[in-house]
PDB file of N, CA and C in Angstrom:
ATOM      1  N   UNK A   1      97.087 109.590 140.121  1.00  0.00           N
ATOM      2  CA  UNK A   1      98.337 109.857 139.466  1.00  0.00           C
ATOM      3  C   UNK A   1      98.951 111.101 140.097  1.00  0.00           C
ATOM      4  N   UNK A   2     100.203 111.002 140.466  1.00  0.00           N
ATOM      5  CA  UNK A   2     100.900 112.107 141.102  1.00  0.00           C
ATOM      6  C   UNK A   2     102.077 112.531 140.222  1.00  0.00           C
ATOM      7  N   UNK A   3     102.206 113.829 140.018  1.00  0.00           N
ATOM      8  CA  UNK A   3     103.272 114.353 139.167  1.00  0.00           C
ATOM      9  C   UNK A   3     104.000 115.463 139.904  1.00  0.00           C
ATOM     10  N   UNK A   4     105.329 115.427 139.795  1.00  0.00           N
ATOM     11  CA  UNK A   4     106.169 116.437 140.427  1.00  0.00           C
ATOM     12  C   UNK A   4     107.088 117.038 139.363  1.00  0.00           C
ATOM     13  N   UNK A   5     107.092 118.375 139.250  1.00  0.00           N
ATOM     14  CA  UNK A   5     107.986 119.074 138.335  1.00  0.00           C
ATOM     15  C   UNK A   5     109.196 119.548 139.131  1.00  0.00           C
ATOM     16  N   UNK A   6     110.389 119.176 138.670  1.00  0.00           N
ATOM     17  CA  UNK A   6     111.615 119.545 139.374  1.00  0.00           C
ATOM     18  C   UNK A   6     112.582 120.219 138.397  1.00  0.00           C
ATOM     19  N   UNK A   7     112.762 121.534 138.519  1.00  0.00           N
ATOM     20  CA  UNK A   7     113.714 122.189 137.617  1.00  0.00           C
ATOM     21  C   UNK A   7     115.145 121.790 137.960  1.00  0.00           C
ATOM     22  N   UNK A   8     115.873 121.392 136.943  1.00  0.00           N
ATOM     23  CA  UNK A   8     117.306 121.095 137.070  1.00  0.00           C
ATOM     24  C   UNK A   8     118.035 122.276 136.431  1.00  0.00           C
ATOM     25  N   UNK A   9     119.338 122.175 136.300  1.00  0.00           N
ATOM     26  CA  UNK A   9     120.092 123.290 135.747  1.00  0.00           C
ATOM     27  C   UNK A   9     119.731 123.573 134.284  1.00  0.00           C
ATOM     28  N   UNK A  10     119.543 122.514 133.470  1.00  0.00           N
ATOM     29  CA  UNK A  10     119.320 122.723 132.042  1.00  0.00           C
ATOM     30  C   UNK A  10     118.054 122.064 131.501  1.00  0.00           C
ATOM     31  N   UNK A  11     117.288 121.432 132.374  1.00  0.00           N
ATOM     32  CA  UNK A  11     116.058 120.775 131.940  1.00  0.00           C
ATOM     33  C   UNK A  11     115.110 120.649 133.128  1.00  0.00           C
ATOM     34  N   UNK A  12     113.903 120.221 132.840  1.00  0.00           N
ATOM     35  CA  UNK A  12     112.908 119.967 133.875  1.00  0.00           C
ATOM     36  C   UNK A  12     112.713 118.461 133.971  1.00  0.00           C
ATOM     37  N   UNK A  13     112.804 117.943 135.183  1.00  0.00           N
ATOM     38  CA  UNK A  13     112.539 116.527 135.431  1.00  0.00           C
ATOM     39  C   UNK A  13     111.115 116.412 135.945  1.00  0.00           C
ATOM     40  N   UNK A  14     110.335 115.589 135.280  1.00  0.00           N
ATOM     41  CA  UNK A  14     108.953 115.342 135.687  1.00  0.00           C
ATOM     42  C   UNK A  14     108.874 113.903 136.172  1.00  0.00           C
ATOM     43  N   UNK A  15     108.565 113.719 137.445  1.00  0.00           N
ATOM     44  CA  UNK A  15     108.393 112.378 138.014  1.00  0.00           C
ATOM     45  C   UNK A  15     106.907 112.071 138.101  1.00  0.00           C
ATOM     46  N   UNK A  16     106.528 110.938 137.541  1.00  0.00           N
ATOM     47  CA  UNK A  16     105.127 110.522 137.513  1.00  0.00           C
ATOM     48  C   UNK A  16     105.006 109.186 138.226  1.00  0.00           C
ATOM     49  N   UNK A  17     104.051 109.082 139.150  1.00  0.00           N
ATOM     50  CA  UNK A  17     103.787 107.792 139.779  1.00  0.00           C
ATOM     51  C   UNK A  17     102.318 107.689 140.123  1.00  0.00           C
ATOM     52  N   UNK A  18     101.918 106.511 140.517  1.00  0.00           N
ATOM     53  CA  UNK A  18     100.505 106.274 140.817  1.00  0.00           C
ATOM     54  C   UNK A  18      99.792 105.634 139.641  1.00  0.00           C
ATOM     55  N   UNK A  19      98.483 105.562 139.742  1.00  0.00           N
ATOM     56  CA  UNK A  19      97.649 104.921 138.721  1.00  0.00           C
ATOM     57  C   UNK A  19      97.495 105.834 137.507  1.00  0.00           C
ATOM     58  N   UNK A  20      97.683 105.277 136.326  1.00  0.00           N
ATOM     59  CA  UNK A  20      97.576 106.030 135.075  1.00  0.00           C
ATOM     60  C   UNK A  20      96.165 106.575 134.903  1.00  0.00           C
ATOM     61  N   UNK A  21      96.074 107.843 134.529  1.00  0.00           N
ATOM     62  CA  UNK A  21      94.798 108.488 134.231  1.00  0.00           C
ATOM     63  C   UNK A  21      95.017 109.396 133.032  1.00  0.00           C
ATOM     64  N   UNK A  22      94.442 109.042 131.896  1.00  0.00           N
ATOM     65  CA  UNK A  22      94.636 109.753 130.637  1.00  0.00           C
ATOM     66  C   UNK A  22      94.227 111.224 130.730  1.00  0.00           C
ATOM     67  N   UNK A  23      93.092 111.496 131.324  1.00  0.00           N
ATOM     68  CA  UNK A  23      92.615 112.884 131.405  1.00  0.00           C
ATOM     69  C   UNK A  23      93.517 113.742 132.293  1.00  0.00           C
ATOM     70  N   UNK A  24      93.951 113.186 133.403  1.00  0.00           N
ATOM     71  CA  UNK A  24      94.869 113.923 134.276  1.00  0.00           C
ATOM     72  C   UNK A  24      96.186 114.165 133.550  1.00  0.00           C
ATOM     73  N   UNK A  25      96.666 113.173 132.831  1.00  0.00           N
ATOM     74  CA  UNK A  25      97.937 113.309 132.102  1.00  0.00           C
ATOM     75  C   UNK A  25      97.865 114.448 131.089  1.00  0.00           C
ATOM     76  N   UNK A  26      96.760 114.572 130.378  1.00  0.00           N
ATOM     77  CA  UNK A  26      96.608 115.667 129.407  1.00  0.00           C
ATOM     78  C   UNK A  26      96.602 117.023 130.113  1.00  0.00           C
ATOM     79  N   UNK A  27      95.869 117.122 131.209  1.00  0.00           N
ATOM     80  CA  UNK A  27      95.806 118.389 131.952  1.00  0.00           C
ATOM     81  C   UNK A  27      97.175 118.764 132.506  1.00  0.00           C
ATOM     82  N   UNK A  28      97.917 117.768 132.955  1.00  0.00           N
ATOM     83  CA  UNK A  28      99.231 118.051 133.508  1.00  0.00           C
ATOM     84  C   UNK A  28     100.228 118.462 132.431  1.00  0.00           C
ATOM     85  N   UNK A  29      99.985 118.058 131.185  1.00  0.00           N
ATOM     86  CA  UNK A  29     100.837 118.525 130.096  1.00  0.00           C
ATOM     87  C   UNK A  29     100.675 120.036 129.929  1.00  0.00           C
ATOM     88  N   UNK A  30      99.462 120.524 130.073  1.00  0.00           N
ATOM     89  CA  UNK A  30      99.216 121.972 130.000  1.00  0.00           C
ATOM     90  C   UNK A  30      99.970 122.677 131.131  1.00  0.00           C
ATOM     91  N   UNK A  31      99.922 122.105 132.332  1.00  0.00           N
ATOM     92  CA  UNK A  31     100.676 122.679 133.457  1.00  0.00           C
ATOM     93  C   UNK A  31     102.174 122.661 133.165  1.00  0.00           C
ATOM     94  N   UNK A  32     102.643 121.593 132.524  1.00  0.00           N
ATOM     95  CA  UNK A  32     104.053 121.509 132.157  1.00  0.00           C
ATOM     96  C   UNK A  32     104.428 122.646 131.218  1.00  0.00           C
ATOM     97  N   UNK A  33     103.589 122.945 130.253  1.00  0.00           N
ATOM     98  CA  UNK A  33     103.879 124.047 129.329  1.00  0.00           C
ATOM     99  C   UNK A  33     104.055 125.356 130.102  1.00  0.00           C
ATOM    100  N   UNK A  34     103.183 125.609 131.059  1.00  0.00           N
ATOM    101  CA  UNK A  34     103.295 126.816 131.879  1.00  0.00           C
ATOM    102  C   UNK A  34     104.548 126.794 132.737  1.00  0.00           C
ATOM    103  N   UNK A  35     104.862 125.640 133.296  1.00  0.00           N
ATOM    104  CA  UNK A  35     106.055 125.511 134.139  1.00  0.00           C
ATOM    105  C   UNK A  35     107.315 125.757 133.320  1.00  0.00           C
ATOM    106  N   UNK A  36     107.368 125.208 132.109  1.00  0.00           N
ATOM    107  CA  UNK A  36     108.520 125.427 131.221  1.00  0.00           C
ATOM    108  C   UNK A  36     108.685 126.919 130.945  1.00  0.00           C
ATOM    109  N   UNK A  37     107.593 127.588 130.667  1.00  0.00           N
ATOM    110  CA  UNK A  37     107.631 129.021 130.391  1.00  0.00           C
ATOM    111  C   UNK A  37     108.124 129.793 131.603  1.00  0.00           C
ATOM    112  N   UNK A  38     107.590 129.482 132.771  1.00  0.00           N
ATOM    113  CA  UNK A  38     108.004 130.164 134.005  1.00  0.00           C
ATOM    114  C   UNK A  38     109.488 129.951 134.305  1.00  0.00           C
ATOM    115  N   UNK A  39     109.964 128.736 134.094  1.00  0.00           N
ATOM    116  CA  UNK A  39     111.352 128.387 134.414  1.00  0.00           C
ATOM    117  C   UNK A  39     112.327 128.737 133.281  1.00  0.00           C
ATOM    118  N   UNK A  40     111.775 129.056 132.112  1.00  0.00           N
ATOM    119  CA  UNK A  40     112.584 129.318 130.915  1.00  0.00           C
ATOM    120  C   UNK A  40     113.487 128.123 130.581  1.00  0.00           C
ATOM    121  N   UNK A  41     112.922 126.941 130.774  1.00  0.00           N
ATOM    122  CA  UNK A  41     113.578 125.683 130.433  1.00  0.00           C
ATOM    123  C   UNK A  41     112.644 124.925 129.491  1.00  0.00           C
ATOM    124  N   UNK A  42     113.147 124.520 128.342  1.00  0.00           N
ATOM    125  CA  UNK A  42     112.283 123.922 127.330  1.00  0.00           C
ATOM    126  C   UNK A  42     112.717 122.510 126.938  1.00  0.00           C
ATOM    127  N   UNK A  43     113.568 121.935 127.783  1.00  0.00           N
ATOM    128  CA  UNK A  43     113.974 120.544 127.648  1.00  0.00           C
ATOM    129  C   UNK A  43     113.413 119.819 128.864  1.00  0.00           C
ATOM    130  N   UNK A  44     112.826 118.650 128.615  1.00  0.00           N
ATOM    131  CA  UNK A  44     112.081 117.960 129.668  1.00  0.00           C
ATOM    132  C   UNK A  44     112.386 116.464 129.637  1.00  0.00           C
ATOM    133  N   UNK A  45     112.516 115.884 130.822  1.00  0.00           N
ATOM    134  CA  UNK A  45     112.567 114.427 130.955  1.00  0.00           C
ATOM    135  C   UNK A  45     111.363 114.025 131.798  1.00  0.00           C
ATOM    136  N   UNK A  46     110.525 113.167 131.246  1.00  0.00           N
ATOM    137  CA  UNK A  46     109.360 112.652 131.960  1.00  0.00           C
ATOM    138  C   UNK A  46     109.672 111.221 132.360  1.00  0.00           C
ATOM    139  N   UNK A  47     109.852 111.003 133.647  1.00  0.00           N
ATOM    140  CA  UNK A  47     110.173 109.678 134.182  1.00  0.00           C
ATOM    141  C   UNK A  47     108.892 109.059 134.739  1.00  0.00           C
ATOM    142  N   UNK A  48     108.355 108.106 133.996  1.00  0.00           N
ATOM    143  CA  UNK A  48     107.120 107.454 134.463  1.00  0.00           C
ATOM    144  C   UNK A  48     107.342 105.962 134.719  1.00  0.00           C
ATOM    145  N   UNK A  49     108.539 105.626 135.167  1.00  0.00           N
ATOM    146  CA  UNK A  49     108.854 104.228 135.470  1.00  0.00           C
ATOM    147  C   UNK A  49     108.081 103.708 136.680  1.00  0.00           C
ATOM    148  N   UNK A  50     107.526 104.599 137.507  1.00  0.00           N
ATOM    149  CA  UNK A  50     106.840 104.180 138.738  1.00  0.00           C
ATOM    150  C   UNK A  50     105.315 104.201 138.628  1.00  0.00           C
ATOM    151  N   UNK A  51     104.781 104.265 137.397  1.00  0.00           N
ATOM    152  CA  UNK A  51     103.326 104.285 137.275  1.00  0.00           C
ATOM    153  C   UNK A  51     102.741 102.899 137.510  1.00  0.00           C
ATOM    154  N   UNK A  52     101.463 102.896 137.831  1.00  0.00           N
ATOM    155  CA  UNK A  52     100.722 101.654 138.043  1.00  0.00           C
ATOM    156  C   UNK A  52      99.671 101.572 136.944  1.00  0.00           C
ATOM    157  N   UNK A  53      99.696 100.485 136.196  1.00  0.00           N
ATOM    158  CA  UNK A  53      98.764 100.315 135.082  1.00  0.00           C
ATOM    159  C   UNK A  53      99.338 100.963 133.833  1.00  0.00           C
ATOM    160  N   UNK A  54      98.781 100.591 132.700  1.00  0.00           N
ATOM    161  CA  UNK A  54      99.271 101.124 131.430  1.00  0.00           C
ATOM    162  C   UNK A  54      98.111 101.452 130.528  1.00  0.00           C
ATOM    163  N   UNK A  55      98.330 102.433 129.672  1.00  0.00           N
ATOM    164  CA  UNK A  55      97.318 102.798 128.693  1.00  0.00           C
ATOM    165  C   UNK A  55      97.358 101.811 127.535  1.00  0.00           C
ATOM    166  N   UNK A  56      96.188 101.524 126.995  1.00  0.00           N
ATOM    167  CA  UNK A  56      96.104 100.722 125.779  1.00  0.00           C
ATOM    168  C   UNK A  56      96.680 101.561 124.639  1.00  0.00           C
ATOM    169  N   UNK A  57      96.991 100.911 123.534  1.00  0.00           N
ATOM    170  CA  UNK A  57      97.557 101.625 122.373  1.00  0.00           C
ATOM    171  C   UNK A  57      96.634 102.770 121.953  1.00  0.00           C
ATOM    172  N   UNK A  58      95.344 102.527 121.886  1.00  0.00           N
ATOM    173  CA  UNK A  58      94.402 103.574 121.453  1.00  0.00           C
ATOM    174  C   UNK A  58      94.428 104.756 122.418  1.00  0.00           C
ATOM    175  N   UNK A  59      94.570 104.491 123.714  1.00  0.00           N
ATOM    176  CA  UNK A  59      94.648 105.568 124.700  1.00  0.00           C
ATOM    177  C   UNK A  59      95.967 106.325 124.585  1.00  0.00           C
ATOM    178  N   UNK A  60      97.037 105.608 124.291  1.00  0.00           N
ATOM    179  CA  UNK A  60      98.333 106.275 124.111  1.00  0.00           C
ATOM    180  C   UNK A  60      98.294 107.189 122.891  1.00  0.00           C
ATOM    181  N   UNK A  61      97.648 106.730 121.819  1.00  0.00           N
ATOM    182  CA  UNK A  61      97.497 107.575 120.628  1.00  0.00           C
ATOM    183  C   UNK A  61      96.639 108.796 120.940  1.00  0.00           C
ATOM    184  N   UNK A  62      95.574 108.607 121.706  1.00  0.00           N
ATOM    185  CA  UNK A  62      94.718 109.715 122.116  1.00  0.00           C
ATOM    186  C   UNK A  62      95.507 110.725 122.949  1.00  0.00           C
ATOM    187  N   UNK A  63      96.346 110.238 123.854  1.00  0.00           N
ATOM    188  CA  UNK A  63      97.192 111.115 124.662  1.00  0.00           C
ATOM    189  C   UNK A  63      98.113 111.943 123.765  1.00  0.00           C
ATOM    190  N   UNK A  64      98.769 111.282 122.813  1.00  0.00           N
ATOM    191  CA  UNK A  64      99.678 111.991 121.911  1.00  0.00           C
ATOM    192  C   UNK A  64      98.943 113.044 121.093  1.00  0.00           C
ATOM    193  N   UNK A  65      97.736 112.719 120.616  1.00  0.00           N
ATOM    194  CA  UNK A  65      96.930 113.697 119.866  1.00  0.00           C
ATOM    195  C   UNK A  65      96.621 114.907 120.735  1.00  0.00           C
ATOM    196  N   UNK A  66      96.223 114.640 121.976  1.00  0.00           N
ATOM    197  CA  UNK A  66      95.859 115.732 122.879  1.00  0.00           C
ATOM    198  C   UNK A  66      97.019 116.632 123.227  1.00  0.00           C
ATOM    199  N   UNK A  67      98.164 116.048 123.592  1.00  0.00           N
ATOM    200  CA  UNK A  67      99.299 116.884 123.978  1.00  0.00           C
ATOM    201  C   UNK A  67      99.879 117.612 122.775  1.00  0.00           C
ATOM    202  N   UNK A  68      99.811 117.001 121.605  1.00  0.00           N
ATOM    203  CA  UNK A  68     100.295 117.677 120.404  1.00  0.00           C
ATOM    204  C   UNK A  68      99.428 118.906 120.098  1.00  0.00           C
ATOM    205  N   UNK A  69      98.130 118.787 120.282  1.00  0.00           N
ATOM    206  CA  UNK A  69      97.240 119.930 120.060  1.00  0.00           C
ATOM    207  C   UNK A  69      97.573 121.070 121.025  1.00  0.00           C
ATOM    208  N   UNK A  70      97.819 120.729 122.301  1.00  0.00           N
ATOM    209  CA  UNK A  70      98.209 121.756 123.275  1.00  0.00           C
ATOM    210  C   UNK A  70      99.538 122.399 122.887  1.00  0.00           C
ATOM    211  N   UNK A  71     100.486 121.580 122.453  1.00  0.00           N
ATOM    212  CA  UNK A  71     101.804 122.111 122.092  1.00  0.00           C
ATOM    213  C   UNK A  71     101.705 123.031 120.873  1.00  0.00           C
ATOM    214  N   UNK A  72     100.868 122.693 119.914  1.00  0.00           N
ATOM    215  CA  UNK A  72     100.695 123.547 118.728  1.00  0.00           C
ATOM    216  C   UNK A  72     100.130 124.912 119.117  1.00  0.00           C
ATOM    217  N   UNK A  73      99.190 124.941 120.056  1.00  0.00           N
ATOM    218  CA  UNK A  73      98.651 126.219 120.542  1.00  0.00           C
ATOM    219  C   UNK A  73      99.745 127.017 121.253  1.00  0.00           C
ATOM    220  N   UNK A  74     100.566 126.329 121.997  1.00  0.00           N
ATOM    221  CA  UNK A  74     101.689 126.932 122.715  1.00  0.00           C
ATOM    222  C   UNK A  74     102.667 127.560 121.716  1.00  0.00           C
ATOM    223  N   UNK A  75     102.963 126.851 120.631  1.00  0.00           N
ATOM    224  CA  UNK A  75     103.867 127.381 119.605  1.00  0.00           C
ATOM    225  C   UNK A  75     103.300 128.627 118.931  1.00  0.00           C
ATOM    226  N   UNK A  76     101.982 128.691 118.781  1.00  0.00           N
ATOM    227  CA  UNK A  76     101.348 129.866 118.163  1.00  0.00           C
ATOM    228  C   UNK A  76     101.520 131.120 119.006  1.00  0.00           C
ATOM    229  N   UNK A  77     101.899 130.949 120.281  1.00  0.00           N
ATOM    230  CA  UNK A  77     102.163 132.095 121.159  1.00  0.00           C
ATOM    231  C   UNK A  77     103.651 132.451 121.123  1.00  0.00           C
ATOM    232  N   UNK A  78     104.337 132.004 120.057  1.00  0.00           N
ATOM    233  CA  UNK A  78     105.768 132.271 119.864  1.00  0.00           C
ATOM    234  C   UNK A  78     106.644 131.711 120.976  1.00  0.00           C
ATOM    235  N   UNK A  79     106.269 130.556 121.498  1.00  0.00           N
ATOM    236  CA  UNK A  79     107.062 129.898 122.527  1.00  0.00           C
ATOM    237  C   UNK A  79     108.012 128.901 121.862  1.00  0.00           C
ATOM    238  N   UNK A  80     109.144 128.612 122.513  1.00  0.00           N
ATOM    239  CA  UNK A  80     110.092 127.648 121.939  1.00  0.00           C
ATOM    240  C   UNK A  80     109.521 126.230 121.880  1.00  0.00           C
ATOM    241  N   UNK A  81     109.940 125.518 120.873  1.00  0.00           N
ATOM    242  CA  UNK A  81     109.562 124.116 120.709  1.00  0.00           C
ATOM    243  C   UNK A  81     110.157 123.302 121.861  1.00  0.00           C
ATOM    244  N   UNK A  82     109.353 122.412 122.430  1.00  0.00           N
ATOM    245  CA  UNK A  82     109.834 121.560 123.515  1.00  0.00           C
ATOM    246  C   UNK A  82     110.616 120.365 122.971  1.00  0.00           C
ATOM    247  N   UNK A  83     111.506 119.874 123.799  1.00  0.00           N
ATOM    248  CA  UNK A  83     112.269 118.647 123.548  1.00  0.00           C
ATOM    249  C   UNK A  83     112.015 117.762 124.764  1.00  0.00           C
ATOM    250  N   UNK A  84     111.290 116.653 124.562  1.00  0.00           N
ATOM    251  CA  UNK A  84     110.856 115.819 125.684  1.00  0.00           C
ATOM    252  C   UNK A  84     111.348 114.383 125.515  1.00  0.00           C
ATOM    253  N   UNK A  85     112.048 113.902 126.534  1.00  0.00           N
ATOM    254  CA  UNK A  85     112.462 112.496 126.591  1.00  0.00           C
ATOM    255  C   UNK A  85     111.592 111.808 127.636  1.00  0.00           C
ATOM    256  N   UNK A  86     110.976 110.723 127.246  1.00  0.00           N
ATOM    257  CA  UNK A  86     110.149 109.938 128.155  1.00  0.00           C
ATOM    258  C   UNK A  86     110.928 108.708 128.601  1.00  0.00           C
ATOM    259  N   UNK A  87     110.903 108.427 129.916  1.00  0.00           N
ATOM    260  CA  UNK A  87     111.563 107.234 130.450  1.00  0.00           C
ATOM    261  C   UNK A  87     110.461 106.285 130.908  1.00  0.00           C
ATOM    262  N   UNK A  88     110.296 105.212 130.149  1.00  0.00           N
ATOM    263  CA  UNK A  88     109.207 104.262 130.364  1.00  0.00           C
ATOM    264  C   UNK A  88     109.636 103.096 131.242  1.00  0.00           C
ATOM    265  N   UNK A  89     108.666 102.451 131.901  1.00  0.00           N
ATOM    266  CA  UNK A  89     108.969 101.236 132.662  1.00  0.00           C
ATOM    267  C   UNK A  89     109.515 100.154 131.722  1.00  0.00           C
ATOM    268  N   UNK A  90     110.370  99.308 132.236  1.00  0.00           N
ATOM    269  CA  UNK A  90     110.997  98.252 131.414  1.00  0.00           C
ATOM    270  C   UNK A  90     109.971  97.318 130.768  1.00  0.00           C
ATOM    271  N   UNK A  91     108.858  97.093 131.446  1.00  0.00           N
ATOM    272  CA  UNK A  91     107.881  96.143 130.905  1.00  0.00           C
ATOM    273  C   UNK A  91     106.878  96.789 129.941  1.00  0.00           C
ATOM    274  N   UNK A  92     107.086  98.037 129.581  1.00  0.00           N
ATOM    275  CA  UNK A  92     106.207  98.707 128.615  1.00  0.00           C
ATOM    276  C   UNK A  92     106.883  98.720 127.252  1.00  0.00           C
ATOM    277  N   UNK A  93     106.208  98.159 126.264  1.00  0.00           N
ATOM    278  CA  UNK A  93     106.760  98.148 124.900  1.00  0.00           C
ATOM    279  C   UNK A  93     106.793  99.575 124.367  1.00  0.00           C
ATOM    280  N   UNK A  94     107.954  99.998 123.894  1.00  0.00           N
ATOM    281  CA  UNK A  94     108.080 101.366 123.380  1.00  0.00           C
ATOM    282  C   UNK A  94     108.302 101.393 121.873  1.00  0.00           C
ATOM    283  N   UNK A  95     108.151 100.250 121.228  1.00  0.00           N
ATOM    284  CA  UNK A  95     108.420 100.190 119.791  1.00  0.00           C
ATOM    285  C   UNK A  95     107.201  99.781 118.964  1.00  0.00           C
ATOM    286  N   UNK A  96     106.013  99.944 119.501  1.00  0.00           N
ATOM    287  CA  UNK A  96     104.806  99.636 118.731  1.00  0.00           C
ATOM    288  C   UNK A  96     104.754 100.561 117.521  1.00  0.00           C
ATOM    289  N   UNK A  97     104.559 100.013 116.326  1.00  0.00           N
ATOM    290  CA  UNK A  97     104.667 100.804 115.100  1.00  0.00           C
ATOM    291  C   UNK A  97     103.679 101.962 115.046  1.00  0.00           C
ATOM    292  N   UNK A  98     102.452 101.774 115.506  1.00  0.00           N
ATOM    293  CA  UNK A  98     101.467 102.869 115.462  1.00  0.00           C
ATOM    294  C   UNK A  98     101.923 104.049 116.315  1.00  0.00           C
ATOM    295  N   UNK A  99     102.491 103.747 117.475  1.00  0.00           N
ATOM    296  CA  UNK A  99     102.976 104.794 118.369  1.00  0.00           C
ATOM    297  C   UNK A  99     104.195 105.479 117.756  1.00  0.00           C
ATOM    298  N   UNK A 100     105.127 104.693 117.230  1.00  0.00           N
ATOM    299  CA  UNK A 100     106.329 105.261 116.625  1.00  0.00           C
ATOM    300  C   UNK A 100     105.973 106.191 115.466  1.00  0.00           C
ATOM    301  N   UNK A 101     105.055 105.768 114.620  1.00  0.00           N
ATOM    302  CA  UNK A 101     104.650 106.599 113.477  1.00  0.00           C
ATOM    303  C   UNK A 101     104.021 107.903 113.949  1.00  0.00           C
ATOM    304  N   UNK A 102     103.174 107.839 114.970  1.00  0.00           N
ATOM    305  CA  UNK A 102     102.527 109.050 115.466  1.00  0.00           C
ATOM    306  C   UNK A 102     103.535 109.978 116.132  1.00  0.00           C
ATOM    307  N   UNK A 103     104.468 109.423 116.892  1.00  0.00           N
ATOM    308  CA  UNK A 103     105.479 110.246 117.565  1.00  0.00           C
ATOM    309  C   UNK A 103     106.325 111.020 116.562  1.00  0.00           C
ATOM    310  N   UNK A 104     106.552 110.447 115.374  1.00  0.00           N
ATOM    311  CA  UNK A 104     107.352 111.119 114.345  1.00  0.00           C
ATOM    312  C   UNK A 104     106.685 112.389 113.833  1.00  0.00           C
ATOM    313  N   UNK A 105     105.381 112.497 113.971  1.00  0.00           N
ATOM    314  CA  UNK A 105     104.660 113.652 113.424  1.00  0.00           C
ATOM    315  C   UNK A 105     104.337 114.712 114.480  1.00  0.00           C
ATOM    316  N   UNK A 106     104.757 114.509 115.703  1.00  0.00           N
ATOM    317  CA  UNK A 106     104.443 115.463 116.770  1.00  0.00           C
ATOM    318  C   UNK A 106     105.145 116.797 116.547  1.00  0.00           C
ATOM    319  N   UNK A 107     104.570 117.851 117.080  1.00  0.00           N
ATOM    320  CA  UNK A 107     105.121 119.203 116.906  1.00  0.00           C
ATOM    321  C   UNK A 107     106.270 119.499 117.860  1.00  0.00           C
ATOM    322  N   UNK A 108     106.587 118.568 118.761  1.00  0.00           N
ATOM    323  CA  UNK A 108     107.733 118.735 119.658  1.00  0.00           C
ATOM    324  C   UNK A 108     108.686 117.555 119.458  1.00  0.00           C
ATOM    325  N   UNK A 109     109.974 117.802 119.682  1.00  0.00           N
ATOM    326  CA  UNK A 109     110.964 116.733 119.590  1.00  0.00           C
ATOM    327  C   UNK A 109     110.726 115.772 120.745  1.00  0.00           C
ATOM    328  N   UNK A 110     110.816 114.478 120.469  1.00  0.00           N
ATOM    329  CA  UNK A 110     110.532 113.501 121.516  1.00  0.00           C
ATOM    330  C   UNK A 110     111.242 112.198 121.259  1.00  0.00           C
ATOM    331  N   UNK A 111     111.454 111.472 122.335  1.00  0.00           N
ATOM    332  CA  UNK A 111     112.004 110.123 122.265  1.00  0.00           C
ATOM    333  C   UNK A 111     111.543 109.365 123.498  1.00  0.00           C
ATOM    334  N   UNK A 112     111.596 108.040 123.417  1.00  0.00           N
ATOM    335  CA  UNK A 112     111.226 107.198 124.555  1.00  0.00           C
ATOM    336  C   UNK A 112     112.339 106.184 124.760  1.00  0.00           C
ATOM    337  N   UNK A 113     112.668 105.968 126.005  1.00  0.00           N
ATOM    338  CA  UNK A 113     113.706 105.018 126.368  1.00  0.00           C
ATOM    339  C   UNK A 113     113.330 104.373 127.696  1.00  0.00           C
ATOM    340  N   UNK A 114     114.064 103.358 128.077  1.00  0.00           N
ATOM    341  CA  UNK A 114     113.895 102.752 129.392  1.00  0.00           C
ATOM    342  C   UNK A 114     114.999 103.215 130.337  1.00  0.00           C
ATOM    343  N   UNK A 115     115.914 104.030 129.841  1.00  0.00           N
ATOM    344  CA  UNK A 115     117.123 104.385 130.577  1.00  0.00           C
ATOM    345  C   UNK A 115     117.217 105.891 130.818  1.00  0.00           C
ATOM    346  N   UNK A 116     117.302 106.303 132.069  1.00  0.00           N
ATOM    347  CA  UNK A 116     117.355 107.727 132.414  1.00  0.00           C
ATOM    348  C   UNK A 116     118.607 108.402 131.861  1.00  0.00           C
ATOM    349  N   UNK A 117     119.723 107.706 131.831  1.00  0.00           N
ATOM    350  CA  UNK A 117     120.956 108.314 131.307  1.00  0.00           C
ATOM    351  C   UNK A 117     120.845 108.586 129.814  1.00  0.00           C
ATOM    352  N   UNK A 118     120.230 107.673 129.069  1.00  0.00           N
ATOM    353  CA  UNK A 118     120.004 107.903 127.635  1.00  0.00           C
ATOM    354  C   UNK A 118     119.094 109.109 127.428  1.00  0.00           C
ATOM    355  N   UNK A 119     118.090 109.229 128.271  1.00  0.00           N
ATOM    356  CA  UNK A 119     117.170 110.367 128.184  1.00  0.00           C
ATOM    357  C   UNK A 119     117.922 111.682 128.415  1.00  0.00           C
ATOM    358  N   UNK A 120     118.786 111.701 129.422  1.00  0.00           N
ATOM    359  CA  UNK A 120     119.555 112.912 129.714  1.00  0.00           C
ATOM    360  C   UNK A 120     120.448 113.303 128.539  1.00  0.00           C
ATOM    361  N   UNK A 121     121.142 112.323 127.976  1.00  0.00           N
ATOM    362  CA  UNK A 121     122.023 112.605 126.843  1.00  0.00           C
ATOM    363  C   UNK A 121     121.233 113.149 125.654  1.00  0.00           C
ATOM    364  N   UNK A 122     120.108 112.512 125.360  1.00  0.00           N
ATOM    365  CA  UNK A 122     119.311 112.924 124.197  1.00  0.00           C
ATOM    366  C   UNK A 122     118.721 114.311 124.404  1.00  0.00           C
ATOM    367  N   UNK A 123     118.149 114.565 125.559  1.00  0.00           N
ATOM    368  CA  UNK A 123     117.463 115.841 125.793  1.00  0.00           C
ATOM    369  C   UNK A 123     118.449 117.009 125.770  1.00  0.00           C
ATOM    370  N   UNK A 124     119.705 116.765 126.110  1.00  0.00           N
ATOM    371  CA  UNK A 124     120.701 117.834 126.165  1.00  0.00           C
ATOM    372  C   UNK A 124     121.379 118.087 124.823  1.00  0.00           C
ATOM    373  N   UNK A 125     121.052 117.346 123.798  1.00  0.00           N
ATOM    374  CA  UNK A 125     121.642 117.586 122.462  1.00  0.00           C
ATOM    375  C   UNK A 125     121.264 118.942 121.942  1.00  0.00           C
TER     376      UNK A 125
END
C-alpha cells in the first residue's frame, strides 16, 4: 500500500493505492495526524479509488476503531478536530449500516463518497 500526502491550499489530499493493508493504514493515520499538525491543515480528503482489494466489514470496523482511538489521543493534546472526506472506489459499498452507525460515533467529522468534487465541497464547509 502506497500513500502520498499532498498539502493543498486549504486541505490535505491523501492518495492511496496498492494492495489494502489494515495495519499499514492504521500506522499511516498516525503519520497523517503529524502531517496535519506540521502543515496546520485539519481538513483532509483521502482518495482511495486506486486501491487493490477491499477490507471485509469486520476489518473496516476495526480500522475505524483504531483511527478513532488515535484521534482521541490527538484531541487530548489540544489539537483541532479533523474533518475527513473519504473517496471510495465505485464498486465499494459505502452504505453498509454497521459502518454508517460506527462512523456517526467517531471523534472526527467524516463522510464517504464516490465523487472527489463532493468530497471537496463537504470538507470545505
